[in-house]
Protein backbone atom coordinates (compact mmCIF):
# COMPACT_ATOMS: atom_id res chain seq x y z
CA MET A 1 -57.23 35.20 6.83
CA LYS A 2 -57.88 32.40 8.63
CA THR A 3 -61.14 31.54 9.58
CA ALA A 4 -62.83 30.73 12.97
CA ALA A 5 -63.44 27.03 12.23
CA HIS A 6 -59.82 27.18 11.34
CA LYS A 7 -58.58 28.61 14.63
CA VAL A 8 -60.53 26.29 16.48
CA SER A 9 -59.09 23.25 14.90
CA GLU A 10 -55.91 24.45 15.22
CA GLN A 11 -55.92 25.61 18.66
CA ASN A 12 -57.36 21.71 19.09
CA GLU A 13 -54.75 19.90 17.25
CA SER A 14 -52.61 22.17 19.32
CA ILE A 15 -53.71 20.90 22.60
CA GLN A 16 -53.90 17.27 20.95
CA LYS A 17 -49.93 17.20 19.99
CA ARG A 18 -49.04 18.87 23.24
CA HIS A 19 -51.17 16.02 25.30
CA SER A 20 -49.63 13.07 22.59
CA SER A 21 -45.91 14.08 23.36
CA LEU A 22 -46.38 14.29 26.92
CA PHE A 23 -49.45 11.85 27.46
CA SER A 24 -49.45 9.91 24.16
CA SER A 25 -48.79 6.44 25.77
CA PRO A 26 -51.95 4.85 27.79
CA LEU A 27 -49.32 3.13 30.53
CA LYS A 28 -48.36 6.80 30.89
CA HIS A 29 -51.88 8.14 31.92
CA TYR A 30 -51.60 5.41 34.50
CA ALA A 31 -48.38 5.87 35.76
CA TRP A 32 -49.33 10.21 35.95
CA ALA A 33 -52.44 9.06 37.93
CA ALA A 34 -49.96 6.89 40.50
CA LEU A 35 -47.84 10.17 40.45
CA SER A 36 -50.60 12.59 41.25
CA VAL A 37 -51.23 10.40 44.32
CA SER A 38 -47.92 10.07 45.68
CA ILE A 39 -47.85 13.49 45.43
CA VAL A 40 -50.97 13.84 47.53
CA THR A 41 -49.71 11.61 49.97
CA VAL A 42 -46.37 13.38 50.68
CA ILE A 43 -48.71 16.79 51.02
CA GLY A 44 -51.07 14.85 53.46
CA GLU A 45 -47.97 13.90 55.16
CA ILE A 46 -47.04 17.48 55.85
CA LEU A 47 -50.44 18.47 56.68
CA THR A 48 -51.27 15.53 58.96
CA PRO A 49 -50.20 17.88 62.37
CA TYR A 50 -52.64 20.21 61.46
CA PHE A 51 -55.64 18.58 59.47
CA ASP A 52 -57.71 15.61 61.05
CA LEU A 53 -58.16 12.22 59.01
CA ILE A 54 -61.55 13.87 57.10
CA ASN A 55 -59.98 16.46 55.75
CA ILE A 56 -56.63 14.30 54.47
CA VAL A 57 -58.91 11.88 52.67
CA LEU A 58 -60.49 14.73 51.08
CA LEU A 59 -57.33 15.55 49.45
CA TYR A 60 -57.30 12.38 47.71
CA LEU A 61 -60.00 13.06 45.77
CA LEU A 62 -57.99 15.72 43.48
CA PRO A 63 -56.06 13.01 41.73
CA VAL A 64 -59.43 11.52 40.80
CA LEU A 65 -60.81 14.46 39.25
CA ILE A 66 -57.17 15.35 37.37
CA SER A 67 -57.04 11.64 35.64
CA ALA A 68 -61.00 11.95 34.71
CA VAL A 69 -60.15 15.22 33.28
CA ARG A 70 -56.90 14.30 31.59
CA TRP A 71 -56.47 10.62 30.82
CA GLY A 72 -59.83 9.01 31.59
CA ARG A 73 -61.62 6.76 32.95
CA GLY A 74 -59.06 3.91 33.69
CA PRO A 75 -56.71 6.27 35.41
CA SER A 76 -59.22 7.73 37.61
CA PHE A 77 -60.37 4.31 38.72
CA LEU A 78 -56.83 3.62 39.45
CA SER A 79 -56.35 6.79 41.19
CA SER A 80 -59.65 6.25 43.29
CA PHE A 81 -57.99 2.68 44.35
CA MET A 82 -54.46 3.71 44.97
CA GLY A 83 -55.80 6.59 46.99
CA VAL A 84 -57.98 4.29 49.44
CA LEU A 85 -54.77 1.91 49.75
CA THR A 86 -52.39 4.62 50.50
CA PHE A 87 -54.48 6.86 52.95
CA ASN A 88 -55.27 3.52 55.07
CA PHE A 89 -51.26 2.48 54.91
CA PHE A 90 -49.95 6.06 55.85
CA PHE A 91 -52.58 7.80 57.99
CA VAL A 92 -55.15 5.23 59.42
CA PRO A 93 -54.43 3.20 62.72
CA PRO A 94 -52.30 1.44 63.06
CA ILE A 95 -50.36 3.17 60.12
CA PHE A 96 -47.96 1.17 57.53
CA THR A 97 -50.38 -1.81 57.81
CA PHE A 98 -53.62 -2.17 55.65
CA ALA A 99 -55.11 -3.35 58.83
CA VAL A 100 -57.90 -1.25 59.83
CA GLY A 101 -58.21 -1.08 63.95
CA ASN A 102 -62.01 0.85 63.94
CA MET A 103 -65.24 0.74 62.23
CA GLN A 104 -65.73 4.30 61.44
CA HIS A 105 -62.57 4.04 59.42
CA LEU A 106 -63.49 1.42 57.59
CA PHE A 107 -66.45 3.27 56.79
CA VAL A 108 -64.57 6.44 55.89
CA LEU A 109 -62.58 4.30 53.32
CA VAL A 110 -65.39 2.69 51.93
CA VAL A 111 -67.56 6.25 51.51
CA PHE A 112 -64.42 7.68 49.76
CA PHE A 113 -63.69 4.59 47.32
CA LEU A 114 -67.63 4.93 46.40
CA VAL A 115 -67.71 8.71 46.03
CA ALA A 116 -64.14 8.55 44.05
CA LEU A 117 -65.79 5.97 41.99
CA VAL A 118 -68.50 8.31 41.31
CA THR A 119 -66.78 11.23 40.49
CA GLY A 120 -64.40 9.99 38.56
CA THR A 121 -66.79 8.51 36.27
CA THR A 122 -69.23 11.50 35.87
CA ALA A 123 -65.73 13.85 35.27
CA THR A 124 -64.99 11.48 32.73
CA LYS A 125 -68.53 11.86 30.97
CA LEU A 126 -68.55 15.40 31.30
CA ARG A 127 -64.72 15.49 29.68
CA ASN A 128 -65.98 12.96 26.67
CA GLU A 129 -69.16 15.45 26.34
CA LEU A 130 -67.08 18.55 26.16
CA GLU A 131 -64.74 16.85 23.37
CA LYS A 132 -67.78 15.67 21.34
CA THR A 133 -69.34 19.06 21.57
CA THR A 134 -66.06 21.04 20.41
CA GLU A 135 -65.90 18.53 17.50
CA ARG A 136 -69.46 19.06 16.76
CA GLU A 137 -68.43 23.17 16.94
CA ILE A 138 -65.85 22.28 14.68
CA ARG A 139 -67.62 20.25 12.26
CA THR A 140 -70.41 22.92 11.89
CA LEU A 141 -68.26 25.86 11.50
CA THR A 142 -66.47 24.13 8.49
CA LEU A 143 -69.28 22.83 7.12
CA TYR A 144 -71.04 26.28 7.59
CA GLU A 145 -67.85 28.19 5.92
CA LEU A 146 -67.43 25.87 2.93
CA SER A 147 -71.61 26.60 2.23
CA ARG A 148 -71.02 29.92 2.65
CA GLU A 149 -67.95 30.41 0.53
CA ILE A 150 -69.40 28.15 -2.37
CA ALA A 151 -72.49 29.83 -2.04
CA ALA A 152 -70.96 33.12 -3.17
CA LYS A 153 -69.37 31.32 -6.29
CA ALA A 154 -70.50 31.76 -9.66
CA ASP A 155 -68.02 29.78 -10.99
CA LEU A 156 -67.06 25.52 -11.00
CA GLU A 157 -63.44 26.30 -10.94
CA GLN A 158 -63.49 28.74 -7.60
CA VAL A 159 -66.74 26.13 -6.17
CA LEU A 160 -63.90 23.59 -6.72
CA LYS A 161 -61.04 25.24 -5.47
CA THR A 162 -62.49 25.95 -2.06
CA PHE A 163 -64.44 22.81 -1.75
CA LEU A 164 -60.70 21.07 -2.28
CA ASP A 165 -58.69 23.30 0.09
CA LYS A 166 -61.43 22.84 2.72
CA VAL A 167 -60.91 18.90 1.97
CA ALA A 168 -57.17 19.14 2.19
CA GLU A 169 -57.39 21.04 5.30
CA THR A 170 -59.53 18.48 7.33
CA VAL A 171 -57.31 15.77 5.95
CA ASN A 172 -53.97 17.26 6.16
CA GLY A 173 -53.08 16.18 2.80
CA THR A 174 -53.81 16.85 -1.14
CA ALA A 175 -57.07 16.16 -2.78
CA ILE A 176 -58.07 16.12 -6.56
CA VAL A 177 -61.60 15.89 -8.35
CA LEU A 178 -61.74 13.47 -10.93
CA ILE A 179 -64.78 13.77 -14.06
CA GLN A 180 -65.25 11.52 -16.29
CA ASP A 181 -65.21 12.83 -20.24
CA PRO A 182 -68.36 12.20 -22.23
CA ASN A 183 -66.32 11.57 -25.49
CA ASN A 184 -64.02 9.14 -24.82
CA GLU A 185 -64.88 7.91 -21.27
CA VAL A 186 -61.62 8.85 -19.72
CA LEU A 187 -61.44 10.34 -15.92
CA TYR A 188 -59.62 13.42 -16.06
CA LYS A 189 -58.42 16.14 -13.73
CA MET A 190 -60.98 18.97 -13.95
CA ALA A 191 -59.10 20.48 -9.84
CA ALA A 192 -56.32 19.77 -8.11
CA THR A 193 -54.73 21.21 -5.05
CA LEU A 194 -51.39 19.79 -6.53
CA ASP A 195 -50.54 20.89 -10.03
CA ASN A 196 -48.42 17.37 -10.29
CA ALA A 197 -51.25 15.18 -8.67
CA VAL A 198 -51.01 11.98 -10.32
CA PHE A 199 -52.13 8.23 -10.39
CA ASP A 200 -51.16 5.08 -11.25
CA GLU A 201 -53.32 2.91 -13.25
CA LYS A 202 -54.63 0.73 -10.43
CA GLU A 203 -55.54 3.88 -8.75
CA TYR A 204 -57.17 5.51 -12.02
CA ALA A 205 -59.20 2.03 -11.47
CA VAL A 206 -60.27 2.56 -8.84
CA ALA A 207 -61.33 6.18 -8.95
CA ARG A 208 -63.50 4.61 -12.06
CA TRP A 209 -64.89 2.21 -9.73
CA VAL A 210 -66.37 4.42 -7.52
CA LEU A 211 -67.66 6.72 -10.47
CA GLU A 212 -69.43 3.72 -11.69
CA HIS A 213 -70.55 2.45 -8.18
CA GLY A 214 -70.86 5.52 -6.22
CA GLN A 215 -69.36 4.11 -2.94
CA PRO A 216 -66.05 5.15 -1.39
CA ALA A 217 -63.06 3.46 -1.56
CA GLY A 218 -59.97 3.28 0.23
CA ARG A 219 -57.57 2.23 3.04
CA GLU A 220 -60.43 0.88 5.47
CA LEU A 221 -62.61 1.31 3.61
CA GLY A 222 -62.74 -1.35 1.65
CA ILE A 223 -62.07 -2.44 -2.51
CA PHE A 224 -58.73 -0.78 -2.40
CA GLU A 225 -56.08 -1.29 -0.12
CA GLY A 226 -53.16 -0.12 -2.09
CA ALA A 227 -49.93 0.79 -0.63
CA ARG A 228 -50.12 4.35 0.07
CA SER A 229 -53.23 6.35 2.01
CA LEU A 230 -55.27 6.74 -0.73
CA PHE A 231 -59.01 7.43 -0.81
CA PHE A 232 -61.65 8.00 -2.73
CA PHE A 233 -65.23 9.30 -2.57
CA PRO A 234 -68.13 9.77 -5.18
CA ILE A 235 -69.53 13.42 -5.36
CA LYS A 236 -73.53 12.39 -6.03
CA ALA A 237 -76.58 14.38 -7.40
CA GLU A 238 -79.33 12.90 -7.64
CA ASP A 239 -78.69 9.18 -7.05
CA LYS A 240 -75.67 9.95 -10.03
CA THR A 241 -72.60 10.02 -9.61
CA ILE A 242 -70.97 12.93 -11.51
CA ALA A 243 -67.26 13.29 -10.02
CA VAL A 244 -64.73 11.37 -7.89
CA LEU A 245 -63.02 13.33 -5.08
CA GLY A 246 -59.76 11.89 -4.26
CA ILE A 247 -57.67 12.15 -0.79
CA ARG A 248 -53.69 11.47 -0.33
CA PRO A 249 -52.92 12.21 3.48
CA ASN A 250 -49.51 13.81 3.67
CA ILE A 251 -48.92 10.87 6.39
CA GLU A 252 -48.22 7.53 4.72
CA ASN A 253 -50.73 4.83 6.00
CA ALA A 254 -52.66 7.15 7.42
CA ALA A 255 -56.33 6.32 8.07
CA LEU A 256 -59.92 8.07 7.76
CA SER A 257 -61.81 8.40 11.00
CA PRO A 258 -65.19 7.58 11.07
CA GLU A 259 -66.33 11.15 12.18
CA LYS A 260 -63.96 12.49 9.38
CA GLN A 261 -65.19 10.04 6.98
CA GLN A 262 -68.52 11.90 7.29
CA LEU A 263 -67.71 15.21 7.35
CA ILE A 264 -65.77 14.69 3.76
CA GLU A 265 -69.12 13.16 2.89
CA THR A 266 -71.25 16.07 3.89
CA PHE A 267 -68.54 18.14 1.90
CA THR A 268 -69.28 16.25 -1.16
CA ASN A 269 -72.71 16.80 -0.59
CA LEU A 270 -72.38 20.08 -0.23
CA VAL A 271 -70.31 20.85 -3.64
CA ALA A 272 -72.77 18.39 -5.41
CA VAL A 273 -75.80 20.90 -5.16
CA ALA A 274 -73.12 23.57 -5.82
CA ILE A 275 -72.44 21.79 -9.07
CA ILE A 276 -76.09 21.38 -10.24
CA ARG A 277 -77.22 24.99 -8.88
CA LEU A 278 -73.80 26.40 -11.30
CA GLN A 279 -75.63 23.86 -14.33
CA LEU A 280 -79.11 25.02 -13.88
CA ALA A 281 -77.68 28.36 -13.63
CA LYS A 282 -75.69 27.82 -17.08
CA GLU A 283 -78.63 26.04 -18.41
CA ALA A 284 -81.18 28.95 -17.70
CA GLU A 285 -78.41 31.58 -19.01
CA GLN A 286 -78.50 29.24 -22.67
CA ALA A 287 -82.67 29.02 -22.70
CA LYS A 288 -82.58 33.14 -21.94
CA TRP A 289 -80.30 33.82 -24.87
CA LEU A 290 -82.10 31.01 -27.33
CA ALA A 291 -85.32 32.86 -26.06
CA GLU A 292 -83.98 36.08 -26.63
CA SER A 293 -82.49 35.54 -30.04
CA GLU A 294 -85.42 33.37 -31.33
CA LYS A 295 -87.58 36.53 -30.22
CA LEU A 296 -85.09 38.71 -31.96
CA HIS A 297 -85.42 36.43 -35.04
CA ARG A 298 -88.94 36.79 -35.34
CA ILE A 299 -88.91 40.36 -34.67
CA LEU A 300 -86.06 40.63 -37.67
CA LEU A 301 -88.44 38.59 -40.22
CA ASN A 302 -91.19 40.39 -39.47
CA SER A 303 -89.81 43.34 -39.87
CA ILE A 304 -88.37 42.29 -43.23
CA SER A 305 -91.48 41.25 -44.77
CA HIS A 306 -93.56 44.13 -43.77
CA ASP A 307 -90.88 46.91 -44.26
CA PHE A 308 -89.44 45.57 -47.50
CA ARG A 309 -92.85 44.18 -49.07
CA THR A 310 -93.95 48.15 -48.99
CA PRO A 311 -92.13 49.74 -50.73
CA LEU A 312 -91.62 46.78 -53.42
CA ALA A 313 -95.14 47.50 -54.03
CA SER A 314 -95.15 50.73 -54.34
CA ILE A 315 -92.19 50.19 -57.14
CA THR A 316 -93.79 47.46 -58.79
CA GLY A 317 -97.22 49.20 -59.10
CA ALA A 318 -95.68 52.21 -60.48
CA VAL A 319 -93.32 50.73 -63.45
CA THR A 320 -96.19 48.55 -63.98
CA SER A 321 -98.34 50.83 -64.72
CA LEU A 322 -95.29 53.06 -66.22
CA LEU A 323 -94.97 50.05 -68.68
CA SER A 324 -98.37 49.00 -69.54
CA GLU A 325 -99.70 49.45 -73.29
CA GLY A 326 -101.84 52.12 -73.97
CA SER A 327 -100.86 54.29 -70.95
CA VAL A 328 -103.04 57.49 -71.21
CA TYR A 329 -100.39 58.84 -68.07
CA THR A 330 -99.55 62.81 -68.49
CA GLN A 331 -95.83 63.71 -68.41
CA GLU A 332 -96.97 64.81 -64.97
CA THR A 333 -98.68 61.29 -63.88
CA LYS A 334 -95.58 59.95 -65.02
CA ASN A 335 -92.56 62.01 -63.30
CA ILE A 336 -95.09 61.38 -59.76
CA PHE A 337 -94.53 57.48 -60.52
CA LEU A 338 -91.21 58.19 -60.89
CA HIS A 339 -90.53 60.25 -57.76
CA THR A 340 -92.32 57.21 -56.22
CA ILE A 341 -90.00 54.38 -57.31
CA ARG A 342 -87.23 56.85 -56.43
CA GLU A 343 -88.26 57.32 -52.91
CA GLU A 344 -89.32 53.98 -52.32
CA ALA A 345 -85.51 52.83 -53.50
CA HIS A 346 -84.19 55.49 -51.48
CA ARG A 347 -86.10 54.11 -48.35
CA MET A 348 -85.36 50.24 -48.76
CA ASN A 349 -81.48 51.49 -49.55
CA ARG A 350 -81.86 53.05 -45.98
CA PHE A 351 -83.64 49.74 -44.59
CA ILE A 352 -80.89 47.44 -46.05
CA GLU A 353 -77.92 50.15 -44.88
CA ASN A 354 -79.26 49.99 -41.21
CA LEU A 355 -79.33 45.96 -41.00
CA LEU A 356 -75.98 45.94 -42.63
CA ASP A 357 -74.64 47.94 -40.13
CA MET A 358 -76.20 46.15 -37.01
CA VAL A 359 -74.89 43.18 -38.33
CA ARG A 360 -71.40 45.17 -38.44
CA LEU A 361 -71.97 46.94 -34.88
CA GLU A 362 -73.09 43.58 -33.37
CA SER A 363 -70.01 41.16 -35.38
CA GLY A 364 -67.33 43.77 -34.05
CA ALA A 365 -66.57 43.87 -37.97
CA LEU A 366 -67.49 48.05 -37.76
CA LYS A 367 -64.18 49.73 -38.71
CA LEU A 368 -63.99 53.40 -37.98
CA ASN A 369 -62.64 55.88 -40.74
CA MET A 370 -61.43 58.49 -38.68
CA LYS A 371 -60.61 61.98 -40.51
CA TRP A 372 -60.90 65.84 -39.64
CA CYS A 373 -64.87 66.50 -39.89
CA ASP A 374 -66.55 69.65 -39.80
CA ILE A 375 -69.98 69.37 -39.01
CA GLU A 376 -71.24 72.26 -40.84
CA ASP A 377 -70.20 69.60 -44.37
CA ILE A 378 -71.73 66.62 -42.44
CA ILE A 379 -74.99 68.59 -42.20
CA GLY A 380 -74.80 70.20 -45.77
CA VAL A 381 -74.61 66.47 -47.07
CA VAL A 382 -77.16 65.40 -44.39
CA LEU A 383 -79.36 67.88 -45.77
CA ARG A 384 -79.00 66.82 -49.64
CA GLU A 385 -79.71 63.39 -48.41
CA THR A 386 -83.13 63.88 -46.83
CA ARG A 387 -84.31 67.12 -48.79
CA ASP A 388 -87.09 64.66 -49.94
CA ALA A 389 -88.27 63.49 -46.46
CA LEU A 390 -87.77 66.87 -45.42
CA GLN A 391 -89.92 68.48 -48.03
CA GLU A 392 -93.25 68.89 -45.89
CA HIS A 393 -91.51 70.25 -42.22
CA PRO A 394 -89.60 73.54 -42.21
CA LEU A 395 -86.41 73.09 -40.81
CA GLN A 396 -84.47 75.63 -37.91
CA ILE A 397 -80.60 75.18 -38.24
CA ASP A 398 -78.61 76.98 -35.26
CA ILE A 399 -74.73 76.57 -35.92
CA PRO A 400 -72.45 78.47 -34.11
CA PRO A 401 -69.61 80.29 -36.19
CA ASP A 402 -66.59 78.86 -36.56
CA PRO A 403 -67.76 75.51 -34.92
CA PRO A 404 -64.54 73.28 -33.89
CA SER A 405 -63.65 70.24 -35.45
CA PHE A 406 -63.22 67.00 -34.63
CA MET A 407 -61.96 63.02 -35.36
CA ALA A 408 -64.48 61.10 -36.84
CA ASP A 409 -65.82 58.56 -39.83
CA PHE A 410 -67.59 60.94 -41.74
CA ILE A 411 -70.01 58.26 -43.38
CA LEU A 412 -71.54 56.56 -40.18
CA ILE A 413 -71.81 60.37 -38.50
CA GLU A 414 -73.57 61.19 -41.80
CA HIS A 415 -75.56 57.89 -41.10
CA VAL A 416 -76.56 58.72 -37.46
CA MET A 417 -77.74 62.31 -38.54
CA ILE A 418 -80.19 60.70 -40.94
CA ASN A 419 -81.37 57.76 -38.87
CA LEU A 420 -82.30 61.26 -36.67
CA LEU A 421 -83.46 63.60 -38.97
CA GLU A 422 -85.92 60.62 -40.66
CA ASN A 423 -87.20 59.65 -37.20
CA ALA A 424 -88.17 62.97 -36.43
CA VAL A 425 -89.92 63.01 -39.75
CA LYS A 426 -91.81 59.65 -39.00
CA TYR A 427 -93.10 60.95 -35.51
CA SER A 428 -93.95 64.72 -36.76
CA LEU A 429 -97.09 65.88 -38.15
CA PRO A 430 -96.93 67.48 -41.83
CA GLY A 431 -95.80 71.29 -41.69
CA SER A 432 -94.47 70.76 -38.14
CA SER A 433 -90.94 72.49 -37.97
CA ILE A 434 -87.58 70.11 -37.48
CA SER A 435 -84.88 72.03 -35.67
CA ILE A 436 -81.33 70.81 -36.20
CA SER A 437 -78.89 73.13 -33.63
CA VAL A 438 -75.12 72.36 -32.60
CA HIS A 439 -72.86 73.94 -29.50
CA CYS A 440 -69.56 73.12 -27.93
CA ARG A 441 -68.71 73.29 -24.53
CA ASP A 442 -65.59 71.82 -22.49
CA ARG A 443 -64.18 69.85 -25.43
CA ILE A 444 -67.08 68.10 -26.37
CA LEU A 445 -69.55 69.03 -29.78
CA PHE A 446 -73.24 68.43 -28.73
CA LEU A 447 -75.72 68.05 -31.87
CA THR A 448 -79.22 68.02 -31.12
CA VAL A 449 -82.18 67.09 -33.26
CA ALA A 450 -85.45 68.43 -32.12
CA ASP A 451 -89.30 67.43 -33.51
CA PRO A 452 -92.84 69.04 -31.84
CA GLY A 453 -93.71 65.41 -31.67
CA PRO A 454 -95.89 63.91 -28.99
CA PRO A 455 -93.23 63.62 -26.07
CA ILE A 456 -91.67 60.25 -25.54
CA PRO A 457 -92.81 58.80 -21.78
CA LYS A 458 -89.82 59.08 -19.59
CA THR A 459 -90.34 55.82 -19.12
CA GLU A 460 -89.58 54.84 -22.53
CA HIS A 461 -86.44 56.83 -22.67
CA GLU A 462 -83.91 53.92 -21.78
CA HIS A 463 -85.70 51.71 -24.17
CA VAL A 464 -85.91 53.89 -27.45
CA PHE A 465 -82.00 52.72 -28.20
CA ASP A 466 -82.78 48.98 -28.09
CA LYS A 467 -82.76 46.95 -30.97
CA PHE A 468 -86.21 46.46 -32.82
CA TYR A 469 -88.01 48.51 -30.08
CA ARG A 470 -90.49 51.15 -31.93
CA LEU A 471 -93.03 53.51 -30.12
CA TYR A 472 -96.71 53.38 -30.85
CA SER A 473 -97.63 56.36 -33.19
CA SER A 474 -100.92 57.51 -34.43
CA LYS A 475 -98.86 57.63 -38.08
CA HIS A 476 -98.03 53.48 -38.28
CA ALA A 477 -94.68 54.68 -39.45
CA SER A 478 -92.83 52.41 -40.85
CA GLY A 479 -89.13 50.96 -40.09
CA THR A 480 -86.86 47.88 -38.87
CA GLY A 481 -86.70 50.00 -35.49
CA LEU A 482 -82.77 49.75 -35.94
CA GLY A 483 -82.03 53.45 -36.48
CA LEU A 484 -81.37 54.83 -33.04
CA SER A 485 -79.88 51.66 -31.71
CA ILE A 486 -77.34 52.09 -34.68
CA CYS A 487 -77.13 55.51 -33.94
CA LYS A 488 -76.27 54.59 -30.51
CA GLY A 489 -73.17 51.70 -31.35
CA ILE A 490 -71.80 54.09 -33.86
CA ILE A 491 -71.51 57.07 -31.40
CA GLU A 492 -70.34 54.94 -28.50
CA ALA A 493 -67.79 53.88 -31.20
CA HIS A 494 -66.60 57.06 -31.48
CA GLY A 495 -66.44 57.56 -27.95
CA GLY A 496 -69.70 59.95 -27.47
CA SER A 497 -72.87 59.46 -25.73
CA ILE A 498 -76.52 59.88 -27.40
CA TRP A 499 -79.98 60.40 -25.30
CA VAL A 500 -83.03 62.03 -25.52
CA ASP A 501 -85.40 64.02 -23.67
CA SER A 502 -89.25 65.20 -24.17
CA SER A 503 -91.20 67.45 -22.72
CA PRO A 504 -95.00 68.66 -24.07
CA GLU A 505 -93.16 71.85 -24.57
CA TYR A 506 -90.76 71.28 -27.37
CA GLY A 507 -91.45 67.90 -28.04
CA ASN A 508 -88.57 65.25 -28.39
CA ARG A 509 -84.81 65.95 -28.14
CA PHE A 510 -82.34 63.55 -29.30
CA THR A 511 -78.88 64.61 -28.91
CA PHE A 512 -75.39 63.48 -29.48
CA SER A 513 -72.17 64.26 -28.05
CA LEU A 514 -68.35 63.88 -29.90
CA PRO A 515 -65.41 64.80 -28.51
CA VAL A 516 -63.27 67.25 -29.97
CA SER A 517 -59.85 67.29 -30.38
CA GLU A 518 -58.00 69.82 -28.88
CA GLU A 519 -55.01 69.74 -31.17
CA LEU A 520 -56.56 70.96 -34.13
CA SER A 521 -58.80 73.48 -32.74
CA GLU A 522 -55.18 75.10 -31.72
CA GLN A 523 -53.75 74.31 -35.28
CA LYS A 524 -56.52 75.64 -36.35
CA TYR A 525 -56.66 78.66 -34.23
CA ALA A 526 -52.88 79.44 -34.91
CA ARG A 527 -53.34 79.15 -39.02
CA GLU A 528 -56.50 81.70 -38.75
CA GLY A 529 -54.51 84.14 -36.66
CA THR A 530 -51.67 84.06 -39.29
CA ASP A 531 -53.79 84.19 -42.29
CA ASN A 532 -55.21 87.67 -40.08
CA VAL A 533 -51.72 88.75 -39.85
CA GLY A 534 -50.94 87.92 -43.17
């Protein structure tokens, strides 16, 4: 789509071309002025029987105005001078002579000449002002469009492409941006309107000179007067040249007008600001990433130093008591120590598994071992794994008869359920009931783990699945803060979703959904139908 500035520019160029084809030579301008005076003279001769001399002389202001508007000050002066002479020669008695027999006629001629000069001068000034206003309007529109377009770009390549297209359109040629490689101090092409844009050694040397000195170079700009029309402009930011703009007009031996030079320099200032803006945005993004990385690193270290040392201290204390000489512990007490060692070892194992799972999820190294799974089998394995943790909590299980099978990684879904149950135990009071419910709707399996713990505020729901995010709890629950984040990563890797809803009536309900394969369900139903027939 052509822009408004482009359309105005095309109209202006069209008018200029039309004018240049007809009136390109200054001599032609004077010839047209003389011809217009001759035409008015013929018209005056025709109208002589009907008009008096005052009306006839006013006709000669027409070629003066036309010459001033179309061809400038010189042709308008010629029209004024020729108008006085021809009027005197053809219409003022005695006619066909330049003599003036009446003082009134002489006064008319003098007044007409003065009026024609003033009118021609004024019209010429208005024409020049109009041209300057039009040119300023085009420049303003062009600059506005360029600034608007590059401000909307978030990529350096797109910014440079927009910038070069605008420059090439302005000079009717091609453009290129060169930048210095910081490693080997070689100028290389960063963007160009033509892929095969090449410079010879001398032109590259001039581009390097522009980069080092921060001054433009090219035909009529000094420094470089090569055989081809080529111009270089520095792209400067904060008094430092960050790149070089090369311009090659399509017309050989073409020169840039001062107005175009100024416009291109303004273009380079705009693109320099855009480049600096993108560099600052990139640095800000890197700084943010580094700050986030340092924060996660610090949280991870704190979590490991606290949560790993606690079970280790319990294990060390229990083992030390069992190995102490002259132990007076009864067999029941020794069993309690062994039980503690097993539980704390199991807890450490869960921490390590969660950390390894998170590393695999973050690195994309998590591979799903997809198999047909039965939710009853997974729940059975999970309950055996967590029987010690759940021993203080009554368990309610609600599974519909004949739940559908689904494709999943059995071990990973087991990890998800263990994390959800351990999370429910951490934030529930001893003796409170924990429930597991399963239902299927629209080929999607839903599993919910509910605990009667303090409801999670709704403002926290979107954060509970973040890494290292831990809710405040009066129980001082241990953990790395990775369990729910790992659950989310695993469930989403299976194409499902996980969420939490809370209420003072029922506490917290963590639910995940998994798609159920329609094919297996149909096969299962068909098999059962066959068995029933048999």
